[in-house]
Amino acid sequence: MKDKTKIATGKEGERIAAAFLKKNGYRICETNFRCPLGEIDIVAREKTGEIVFIEVKTRKSRELGYPEQAVNTKKQRKMSQLALWYLQKKKLTEINARFDVIAITLLPCGPEIKLIQNAFDVIAN
């Protein structure tokens, strides 16, 4: 079970990420979308109509490395499964989709936000 501090850090990161995405032209469709396979942090649409599945990673420091380094192959595989489930459930399989990662480091001077568009390709199985 995650401790309360990690959960609070994650929630703060997701709030910052949603505001950043809106400011940059994304339309938020869902936050914390849950299904039997797990959870997608943010599902959004870009101006192009493309569906974007966004993983938010937040850290309080760089002691353990950059936040985006936590989106490893295992996490990418999980996100791929979640995205395919979402697209089928919502009958959106004909629409282009991609994966973005938002890496947030909560620094004393304010949050450092890095948007990595098209961070990885879908991993089948």
C-alpha atoms as a PDB file:
ATOM      1  CA  MET A   1       0.000   0.000   0.000  1.00  0.00           C
ATOM      2  CA  LYS A   2       1.336   3.417  -0.962  1.00  0.00           C
ATOM      3  CA  ASP A   3       1.887   5.812   1.890  1.00  0.00           C
ATOM      4  CA  LYS A   4      -0.167   9.003   2.165  1.00  0.00           C
ATOM      5  CA  THR A   5       2.772  11.237   1.188  1.00  0.00           C
ATOM      6  CA  LYS A   6       3.264   9.420  -2.143  1.00  0.00           C
ATOM      7  CA  ILE A   7      -0.460   9.569  -2.887  1.00  0.00           C
ATOM      8  CA  ALA A   8      -0.550  13.306  -2.086  1.00  0.00           C
ATOM      9  CA  THR A   9       2.514  13.924  -4.282  1.00  0.00           C
ATOM     10  CA  GLY A  10       0.891  11.996  -7.130  1.00  0.00           C
ATOM     11  CA  LYS A  11      -2.396  13.886  -6.818  1.00  0.00           C
ATOM     12  CA  GLU A  12      -0.566  17.229  -6.779  1.00  0.00           C
ATOM     13  CA  GLY A  13       1.336  16.193  -9.903  1.00  0.00           C
ATOM     14  CA  GLU A  14      -1.860  15.183 -11.689  1.00  0.00           C
ATOM     15  CA  ARG A  15      -3.467  18.529 -10.819  1.00  0.00           C
ATOM     16  CA  ILE A  16      -0.434  20.428 -12.162  1.00  0.00           C
ATOM     17  CA  ALA A  17      -0.354  18.215 -15.277  1.00  0.00           C
ATOM     18  CA  ALA A  18      -4.057  18.790 -16.074  1.00  0.00           C
ATOM     19  CA  ALA A  19      -3.653  22.573 -15.791  1.00  0.00           C
ATOM     20  CA  PHE A  20      -0.507  22.441 -17.970  1.00  0.00           C
ATOM     21  CA  LEU A  21      -2.267  20.330 -20.622  1.00  0.00           C
ATOM     22  CA  LYS A  22      -5.294  22.655 -20.773  1.00  0.00           C
ATOM     23  CA  LYS A  23      -2.976  25.648 -21.158  1.00  0.00           C
ATOM     24  CA  ASN A  24      -1.292  23.840 -24.056  1.00  0.00           C
ATOM     25  CA  GLY A  25      -4.453  23.087 -26.017  1.00  0.00           C
ATOM     26  CA  TYR A  26      -5.382  19.632 -24.754  1.00  0.00           C
ATOM     27  CA  ARG A  27      -9.003  18.902 -23.826  1.00  0.00           C
ATOM     28  CA  ILE A  28      -9.194  16.662 -20.767  1.00  0.00           C
ATOM     29  CA  CYS A  29     -11.691  13.828 -21.284  1.00  0.00           C
ATOM     30  CA  GLU A  30     -11.001  11.759 -18.172  1.00  0.00           C
ATOM     31  CA  THR A  31      -8.821  11.847 -15.106  1.00  0.00           C
ATOM     32  CA  ASN A  32      -8.020   8.731 -13.108  1.00  0.00           C
ATOM     33  CA  PHE A  33      -9.986   6.499 -15.482  1.00  0.00           C
ATOM     34  CA  ARG A  34     -10.348   3.146 -13.737  1.00  0.00           C
ATOM     35  CA  CYS A  35     -11.175  -0.194 -15.321  1.00  0.00           C
ATOM     36  CA  PRO A  36     -10.618  -3.839 -14.348  1.00  0.00           C
ATOM     37  CA  LEU A  37      -7.047  -3.653 -15.698  1.00  0.00           C
ATOM     38  CA  GLY A  38      -5.963  -0.589 -13.705  1.00  0.00           C
ATOM     39  CA  GLU A  39      -5.953   3.190 -14.050  1.00  0.00           C
ATOM     40  CA  ILE A  40      -5.046   5.768 -16.682  1.00  0.00           C
ATOM     41  CA  ASP A  41      -3.956   9.091 -15.144  1.00  0.00           C
ATOM     42  CA  ILE A  42      -5.325  11.362 -17.897  1.00  0.00           C
ATOM     43  CA  VAL A  43      -7.123  10.785 -21.184  1.00  0.00           C
ATOM     44  CA  ALA A  44      -7.202  13.877 -23.383  1.00  0.00           C
ATOM     45  CA  ARG A  45      -7.808  15.037 -26.942  1.00  0.00           C
ATOM     46  CA  GLU A  46      -5.533  17.251 -28.929  1.00  0.00           C
ATOM     47  CA  LYS A  47      -6.727  19.811 -31.474  1.00  0.00           C
ATOM     48  CA  THR A  48      -6.102  17.194 -34.170  1.00  0.00           C
ATOM     49  CA  GLY A  49      -8.737  14.961 -32.540  1.00  0.00           C
ATOM     50  CA  GLU A  50      -6.082  12.442 -31.562  1.00  0.00           C
ATOM     51  CA  ILE A  51      -6.672  10.651 -28.255  1.00  0.00           C
ATOM     52  CA  VAL A  52      -3.754  10.965 -25.877  1.00  0.00           C
ATOM     53  CA  PHE A  53      -3.182   8.622 -22.944  1.00  0.00           C
ATOM     54  CA  ILE A  54      -1.047  10.453 -20.421  1.00  0.00           C
ATOM     55  CA  GLU A  55       1.007   9.005 -17.609  1.00  0.00           C
ATOM     56  CA  VAL A  56       1.942  11.529 -14.931  1.00  0.00           C
ATOM     57  CA  LYS A  57       5.069  10.892 -12.871  1.00  0.00           C
ATOM     58  CA  THR A  58       5.870  13.223  -9.998  1.00  0.00           C
ATOM     59  CA  ARG A  59       8.908  13.392  -7.745  1.00  0.00           C
ATOM     60  CA  LYS A  60       9.883  15.720  -4.917  1.00  0.00           C
ATOM     61  CA  SER A  61      13.555  15.605  -5.888  1.00  0.00           C
ATOM     62  CA  ARG A  62      15.917  14.045  -8.410  1.00  0.00           C
ATOM     63  CA  GLU A  63      17.498  11.778  -5.793  1.00  0.00           C
ATOM     64  CA  LEU A  64      15.936   8.709  -7.426  1.00  0.00           C
ATOM     65  CA  GLY A  65      16.452  10.000 -10.969  1.00  0.00           C
ATOM     66  CA  TYR A  66      14.124  11.789 -13.335  1.00  0.00           C
ATOM     67  CA  PRO A  67      10.393  11.036 -12.982  1.00  0.00           C
ATOM     68  CA  GLU A  68      10.043   9.872 -16.602  1.00  0.00           C
ATOM     69  CA  GLN A  69      12.565   7.082 -15.929  1.00  0.00           C
ATOM     70  CA  ALA A  70       9.821   5.329 -13.929  1.00  0.00           C
ATOM     71  CA  VAL A  71       7.828   4.744 -17.136  1.00  0.00           C
ATOM     72  CA  ASN A  72       9.678   1.535 -17.903  1.00  0.00           C
ATOM     73  CA  THR A  73       8.737  -1.287 -20.291  1.00  0.00           C
ATOM     74  CA  LYS A  74       6.469  -2.901 -17.696  1.00  0.00           C
ATOM     75  CA  LYS A  75       4.562   0.379 -17.226  1.00  0.00           C
ATOM     76  CA  GLN A  76       4.395   0.925 -21.005  1.00  0.00           C
ATOM     77  CA  ARG A  77       2.941  -2.564 -21.478  1.00  0.00           C
ATOM     78  CA  LYS A  78       0.336  -1.871 -18.765  1.00  0.00           C
ATOM     79  CA  MET A  79      -0.602   1.482 -20.321  1.00  0.00           C
ATOM     80  CA  SER A  80      -0.916  -0.195 -23.721  1.00  0.00           C
ATOM     81  CA  GLN A  81      -3.387  -2.733 -22.290  1.00  0.00           C
ATOM     82  CA  LEU A  82      -5.361   0.024 -20.561  1.00  0.00           C
ATOM     83  CA  ALA A  83      -5.480   2.171 -23.709  1.00  0.00           C
ATOM     84  CA  LEU A  84      -6.688  -0.716 -25.892  1.00  0.00           C
ATOM     85  CA  TRP A  85      -9.354  -1.562 -23.305  1.00  0.00           C
ATOM     86  CA  TYR A  86     -10.445   2.106 -23.201  1.00  0.00           C
ATOM     87  CA  LEU A  87     -10.602   2.471 -26.996  1.00  0.00           C
ATOM     88  CA  GLN A  88     -12.662  -0.720 -27.370  1.00  0.00           C
ATOM     89  CA  LYS A  89     -15.013   0.135 -24.483  1.00  0.00           C
ATOM     90  CA  LYS A  90     -15.636   3.650 -25.841  1.00  0.00           C
ATOM     91  CA  LYS A  91     -15.864   2.404 -29.467  1.00  0.00           C
ATOM     92  CA  LEU A  92     -12.989   4.675 -30.520  1.00  0.00           C
ATOM     93  CA  THR A  93     -10.746   2.109 -32.198  1.00  0.00           C
ATOM     94  CA  GLU A  94     -10.785   4.053 -35.499  1.00  0.00           C
ATOM     95  CA  ILE A  95      -9.259   7.175 -33.944  1.00  0.00           C
ATOM     96  CA  ASN A  96      -5.504   7.811 -33.780  1.00  0.00           C
ATOM     97  CA  ALA A  97      -4.063   7.543 -30.297  1.00  0.00           C
ATOM     98  CA  ARG A  98      -0.670   8.046 -28.678  1.00  0.00           C
ATOM     99  CA  PHE A  99       1.065   7.965 -25.313  1.00  0.00           C
ATOM    100  CA  ASP A 100       2.492  11.057 -23.644  1.00  0.00           C
ATOM    101  CA  VAL A 101       4.359  11.256 -20.353  1.00  0.00           C
ATOM    102  CA  ILE A 102       4.379  14.300 -18.118  1.00  0.00           C
ATOM    103  CA  ALA A 103       7.322  14.325 -15.726  1.00  0.00           C
ATOM    104  CA  ILE A 104       7.010  16.735 -12.823  1.00  0.00           C
ATOM    105  CA  THR A 105       9.670  17.510 -10.253  1.00  0.00           C
ATOM    106  CA  LEU A 106       8.374  19.549  -7.322  1.00  0.00           C
ATOM    107  CA  LEU A 107      11.320  21.884  -6.709  1.00  0.00           C
ATOM    108  CA  PRO A 108      11.474  24.610  -4.020  1.00  0.00           C
ATOM    109  CA  CYS A 109      11.329  27.271  -6.775  1.00  0.00           C
ATOM    110  CA  GLY A 110       8.215  25.687  -8.299  1.00  0.00           C
ATOM    111  CA  PRO A 111       7.340  22.642 -10.365  1.00  0.00           C
ATOM    112  CA  GLU A 112       9.542  21.632 -13.280  1.00  0.00           C
ATOM    113  CA  ILE A 113       7.254  20.195 -15.970  1.00  0.00           C
ATOM    114  CA  LYS A 114       8.461  18.126 -18.913  1.00  0.00           C
ATOM    115  CA  LEU A 115       5.990  16.942 -21.554  1.00  0.00           C
ATOM    116  CA  ILE A 116       7.212  13.998 -23.601  1.00  0.00           C
ATOM    117  CA  GLN A 117       4.890  13.600 -26.576  1.00  0.00           C
ATOM    118  CA  ASN A 118       4.633  10.250 -28.303  1.00  0.00           C
ATOM    119  CA  ALA A 119       6.777   8.826 -25.505  1.00  0.00           C
ATOM    120  CA  PHE A 120       6.425   5.212 -26.636  1.00  0.00           C
ATOM    121  CA  ASP A 121       4.551   2.940 -29.027  1.00  0.00           C
ATOM    122  CA  VAL A 122       1.880   0.466 -28.035  1.00  0.00           C
ATOM    123  CA  ILE A 123       3.279  -2.802 -26.688  1.00  0.00           C
ATOM    124  CA  ALA A 124       1.167  -5.835 -27.543  1.00  0.00           C
ATOM    125  CA  ASN A 125       1.320  -8.527 -24.827  1.00  0.00           C
END
